[in-house]
Amino acid sequence: MYRRWALRLGAFWAIPALAACGGDDESGEPTPGEPTPGGPVSLTGAVQKGPFVLGSDVEVGLLDQHGFPTGEVFHATTRSDLGEFQLRMAKSGKAEVMTNGFYFNEVLGRRSGAPITLRALGNLSAGGDQSVYVNALTHMAYQRALTLLDAGADFDASVAQAEAELRAVTGLAEPTGIGGGTTLNLLGDDTADNA
């Protein structure tokens, strides 16, 4: 367990200096709405505990089939006080999204007193337009999903099982058919998923 943690930490903090940065790739832009396997990704989303403030860090690191970092990391920052981000990635694949920043504390009505880190796992295996929302659900299910993935489970099945277990343990009563954590947008349209 310590080895896996050390590898992840090292890959996210030591390799970014050597890895490609998102947004500067000129290898081609995906056709909007048409996914291409292995092609470039135009990623949008948001980071929300309360919404992360403008300028918060967003890192998307590609993972191998066992959930280990490949060393390819793409960087962005939130572009509004709604926690929204946008990122162009030269490659697609299974990914770990790590965010760090201050957020709007809706209980106190002001910015948080310290920055926090939230994480999510997303399957960005097809190129084209995609979205990922990072939130408390994705963060709390993150480590359990990695443990299942490390034990040999499928990526999507690992994430789904981790989120289902979390919902059961916390007693969240939800209608059937609710999407995965990375589809839940607290500030999005009035849908059952976002509620």
Protein backbone atom coordinates (compact mmCIF):
# COMPACT_ATOMS: atom_id res chain seq x y z
CA MET A 1 0.00 0.00 0.00
CA TYR A 2 2.84 2.41 0.89
CA ARG A 3 4.62 1.60 -2.40
CA ARG A 4 1.51 2.46 -4.42
CA TRP A 5 1.02 5.71 -2.51
CA ALA A 6 4.68 6.70 -2.94
CA LEU A 7 4.55 5.96 -6.67
CA ARG A 8 1.43 8.07 -7.10
CA LEU A 9 2.84 10.94 -5.07
CA GLY A 10 6.12 10.84 -6.96
CA ALA A 11 4.42 10.74 -10.34
CA PHE A 12 2.18 13.69 -9.56
CA TRP A 13 4.87 15.94 -8.10
CA ALA A 14 8.18 14.90 -9.71
CA ILE A 15 7.11 14.12 -13.25
CA PRO A 16 5.00 17.21 -14.11
CA ALA A 17 8.18 19.15 -14.86
CA LEU A 18 8.99 16.60 -17.54
CA ALA A 19 5.47 15.89 -18.77
CA ALA A 20 3.56 17.64 -21.52
CA CYS A 21 1.34 20.54 -20.58
CA GLY A 22 -2.26 20.63 -21.77
CA GLY A 23 -3.50 23.37 -24.01
CA ASP A 24 -0.30 23.84 -26.01
CA ASP A 25 -0.58 20.78 -28.23
CA GLU A 26 -0.88 21.56 -31.94
CA SER A 27 -1.27 17.93 -33.08
CA GLY A 28 -4.92 18.43 -33.99
CA GLU A 29 -8.21 19.36 -32.44
CA PRO A 30 -11.08 16.89 -32.06
CA THR A 31 -14.24 17.43 -34.05
CA PRO A 32 -16.83 18.61 -31.50
CA GLY A 33 -19.10 15.80 -30.38
CA GLU A 34 -17.31 13.03 -32.31
CA PRO A 35 -15.21 10.78 -30.03
CA THR A 36 -12.14 9.18 -31.55
CA PRO A 37 -10.44 6.27 -29.76
CA GLY A 38 -7.06 7.38 -28.43
CA GLY A 39 -7.45 10.84 -29.92
CA PRO A 40 -7.11 14.26 -28.30
CA VAL A 41 -9.59 15.22 -25.59
CA SER A 42 -11.28 18.56 -25.03
CA LEU A 43 -12.10 18.27 -21.33
CA THR A 44 -14.46 20.54 -19.41
CA GLY A 45 -15.78 20.27 -15.88
CA ALA A 46 -15.81 21.86 -12.46
CA VAL A 47 -14.41 21.35 -8.97
CA GLN A 48 -16.96 21.65 -6.19
CA LYS A 49 -17.10 21.18 -2.46
CA GLY A 50 -18.39 24.57 -2.56
CA PRO A 51 -17.18 25.79 -5.94
CA PHE A 52 -13.39 26.18 -6.12
CA VAL A 53 -12.31 29.77 -6.73
CA LEU A 54 -10.68 31.21 -9.82
CA GLY A 55 -7.09 30.02 -10.32
CA SER A 56 -7.30 26.71 -8.44
CA ASP A 57 -4.97 24.02 -9.79
CA VAL A 58 -6.26 21.09 -11.89
CA GLU A 59 -4.01 18.19 -12.93
CA VAL A 60 -5.13 15.31 -15.12
CA GLY A 61 -2.73 12.37 -15.03
CA LEU A 62 -3.15 9.39 -17.36
CA LEU A 63 -3.13 5.93 -15.75
CA ASP A 64 -2.18 2.49 -17.03
CA GLN A 65 -4.55 -0.50 -16.92
CA HIS A 66 -3.61 -1.20 -13.27
CA GLY A 67 -4.19 2.37 -12.09
CA PHE A 68 -0.55 3.42 -11.94
CA PRO A 69 0.49 6.84 -13.32
CA THR A 70 2.01 6.79 -16.81
CA GLY A 71 3.83 10.08 -16.19
CA GLU A 72 1.70 12.04 -18.67
CA VAL A 73 0.14 14.95 -16.81
CA PHE A 74 -1.90 17.84 -18.22
CA HIS A 75 -2.38 21.08 -16.28
CA ALA A 76 -5.11 23.71 -16.07
CA THR A 77 -6.58 26.14 -13.57
CA THR A 78 -10.17 26.97 -12.77
CA ARG A 79 -11.37 29.84 -14.95
CA SER A 80 -14.22 31.16 -12.79
CA ASP A 81 -15.43 31.29 -9.21
CA LEU A 82 -17.85 28.49 -10.14
CA GLY A 83 -14.92 26.05 -10.18
CA GLU A 84 -15.11 25.54 -13.95
CA PHE A 85 -12.07 24.37 -15.90
CA GLN A 86 -11.25 23.61 -19.52
CA LEU A 87 -8.31 21.59 -20.79
CA ARG A 88 -7.04 20.21 -24.09
CA MET A 89 -5.20 16.90 -23.78
CA ALA A 90 -3.08 15.45 -26.58
CA LYS A 91 -4.06 11.89 -25.61
CA SER A 92 -7.01 10.09 -24.12
CA GLY A 93 -7.08 7.30 -21.54
CA LYS A 94 -8.02 6.38 -18.01
CA ALA A 95 -7.25 9.36 -15.81
CA GLU A 96 -6.84 10.66 -12.29
CA VAL A 97 -7.97 14.26 -11.78
CA MET A 98 -6.37 16.04 -8.83
CA THR A 99 -7.42 19.54 -7.83
CA ASN A 100 -6.12 21.92 -5.19
CA GLY A 101 -7.43 25.29 -4.12
CA PHE A 102 -9.72 27.40 -1.99
CA TYR A 103 -13.48 26.94 -2.22
CA PHE A 104 -16.55 28.98 -1.36
CA ASN A 105 -17.83 27.79 2.02
CA GLU A 106 -21.59 27.99 1.71
CA VAL A 107 -22.11 27.56 5.48
CA LEU A 108 -19.94 30.55 6.42
CA GLY A 109 -20.68 32.55 3.27
CA ARG A 110 -17.00 33.14 2.46
CA ARG A 111 -13.89 31.57 0.99
CA SER A 112 -12.38 28.62 2.89
CA GLY A 113 -9.60 29.40 5.34
CA ALA A 114 -7.21 26.90 3.74
CA PRO A 115 -6.85 25.13 0.40
CA ILE A 116 -8.03 21.55 0.02
CA THR A 117 -7.36 18.77 -2.47
CA LEU A 118 -10.14 16.80 -4.18
CA ARG A 119 -9.65 13.83 -6.53
CA ALA A 120 -11.63 11.86 -9.10
CA LEU A 121 -11.09 8.98 -11.49
CA GLY A 122 -12.44 9.34 -15.01
CA ASN A 123 -12.46 7.17 -18.11
CA LEU A 124 -11.39 9.50 -20.90
CA SER A 125 -10.53 6.64 -23.28
CA ALA A 126 -12.29 8.16 -26.27
CA GLY A 127 -11.13 11.44 -27.75
CA GLY A 128 -13.39 14.44 -28.37
CA ASP A 129 -15.53 16.52 -26.03
CA GLN A 130 -15.83 15.09 -22.50
CA SER A 131 -16.56 16.37 -19.01
CA VAL A 132 -15.51 15.46 -15.47
CA TYR A 133 -16.88 16.97 -12.27
CA VAL A 134 -14.72 16.61 -9.16
CA ASN A 135 -16.66 16.64 -5.90
CA ALA A 136 -16.93 15.12 -2.42
CA LEU A 137 -18.42 11.87 -3.79
CA THR A 138 -15.59 11.32 -6.29
CA HIS A 139 -13.02 12.17 -3.62
CA MET A 140 -14.38 9.81 -0.97
CA ALA A 141 -14.69 6.92 -3.46
CA TYR A 142 -11.25 7.53 -4.99
CA GLN A 143 -9.02 5.37 -2.77
CA ARG A 144 -11.50 2.45 -2.64
CA ALA A 145 -11.71 2.47 -6.45
CA LEU A 146 -7.90 2.34 -6.70
CA THR A 147 -7.82 -0.59 -4.28
CA LEU A 148 -10.36 -2.50 -6.41
CA LEU A 149 -8.45 -1.62 -9.57
CA ASP A 150 -5.19 -2.81 -8.01
CA ALA A 151 -6.91 -6.13 -7.20
CA GLY A 152 -7.62 -6.62 -10.92
CA ALA A 153 -11.11 -5.19 -11.36
CA ASP A 154 -12.13 -3.27 -14.48
CA PHE A 155 -11.67 0.53 -14.28
CA ASP A 156 -15.32 1.51 -14.74
CA ALA A 157 -16.51 -1.33 -12.48
CA SER A 158 -14.05 -0.27 -9.76
CA VAL A 159 -15.31 3.31 -9.75
CA ALA A 160 -18.98 2.25 -9.83
CA GLN A 161 -18.51 -0.25 -6.98
CA ALA A 162 -16.60 2.25 -4.82
CA GLU A 163 -19.32 4.86 -5.28
CA ALA A 164 -22.11 2.35 -4.62
CA GLU A 165 -20.41 1.22 -1.40
CA LEU A 166 -19.95 4.83 -0.31
CA ARG A 167 -23.61 5.63 -0.96
CA ALA A 168 -24.69 2.54 1.00
CA VAL A 169 -22.42 3.32 3.97
CA THR A 170 -23.54 6.97 4.16
CA GLY A 171 -27.21 6.03 3.79
CA LEU A 172 -27.79 8.25 0.77
CA ALA A 173 -31.29 7.56 -0.52
CA GLU A 174 -31.25 8.20 -4.26
CA PRO A 175 -33.57 7.42 -7.12
CA THR A 176 -32.35 4.63 -9.39
CA GLY A 177 -30.46 5.63 -12.48
CA ILE A 178 -28.33 8.36 -10.89
CA GLY A 179 -25.10 8.91 -12.81
CA GLY A 180 -21.57 8.40 -11.56
CA GLY A 181 -19.86 10.98 -9.38
CA THR A 182 -18.02 12.62 -12.27
CA THR A 183 -21.36 13.51 -13.91
CA LEU A 184 -22.75 15.31 -10.85
CA ASN A 185 -22.60 19.10 -11.23
CA LEU A 186 -23.76 20.96 -8.12
CA LEU A 187 -24.19 24.17 -10.11
CA GLY A 188 -25.56 22.54 -13.23
CA ASP A 189 -29.04 22.20 -14.66
CA ASP A 190 -31.99 21.13 -12.49
CA THR A 191 -31.72 17.37 -12.98
CA ALA A 192 -32.02 14.38 -10.65
CA ASP A 193 -28.27 13.73 -11.02
CA ASN A 194 -27.29 17.26 -10.06
CA ALA A 195 -29.74 17.38 -7.14
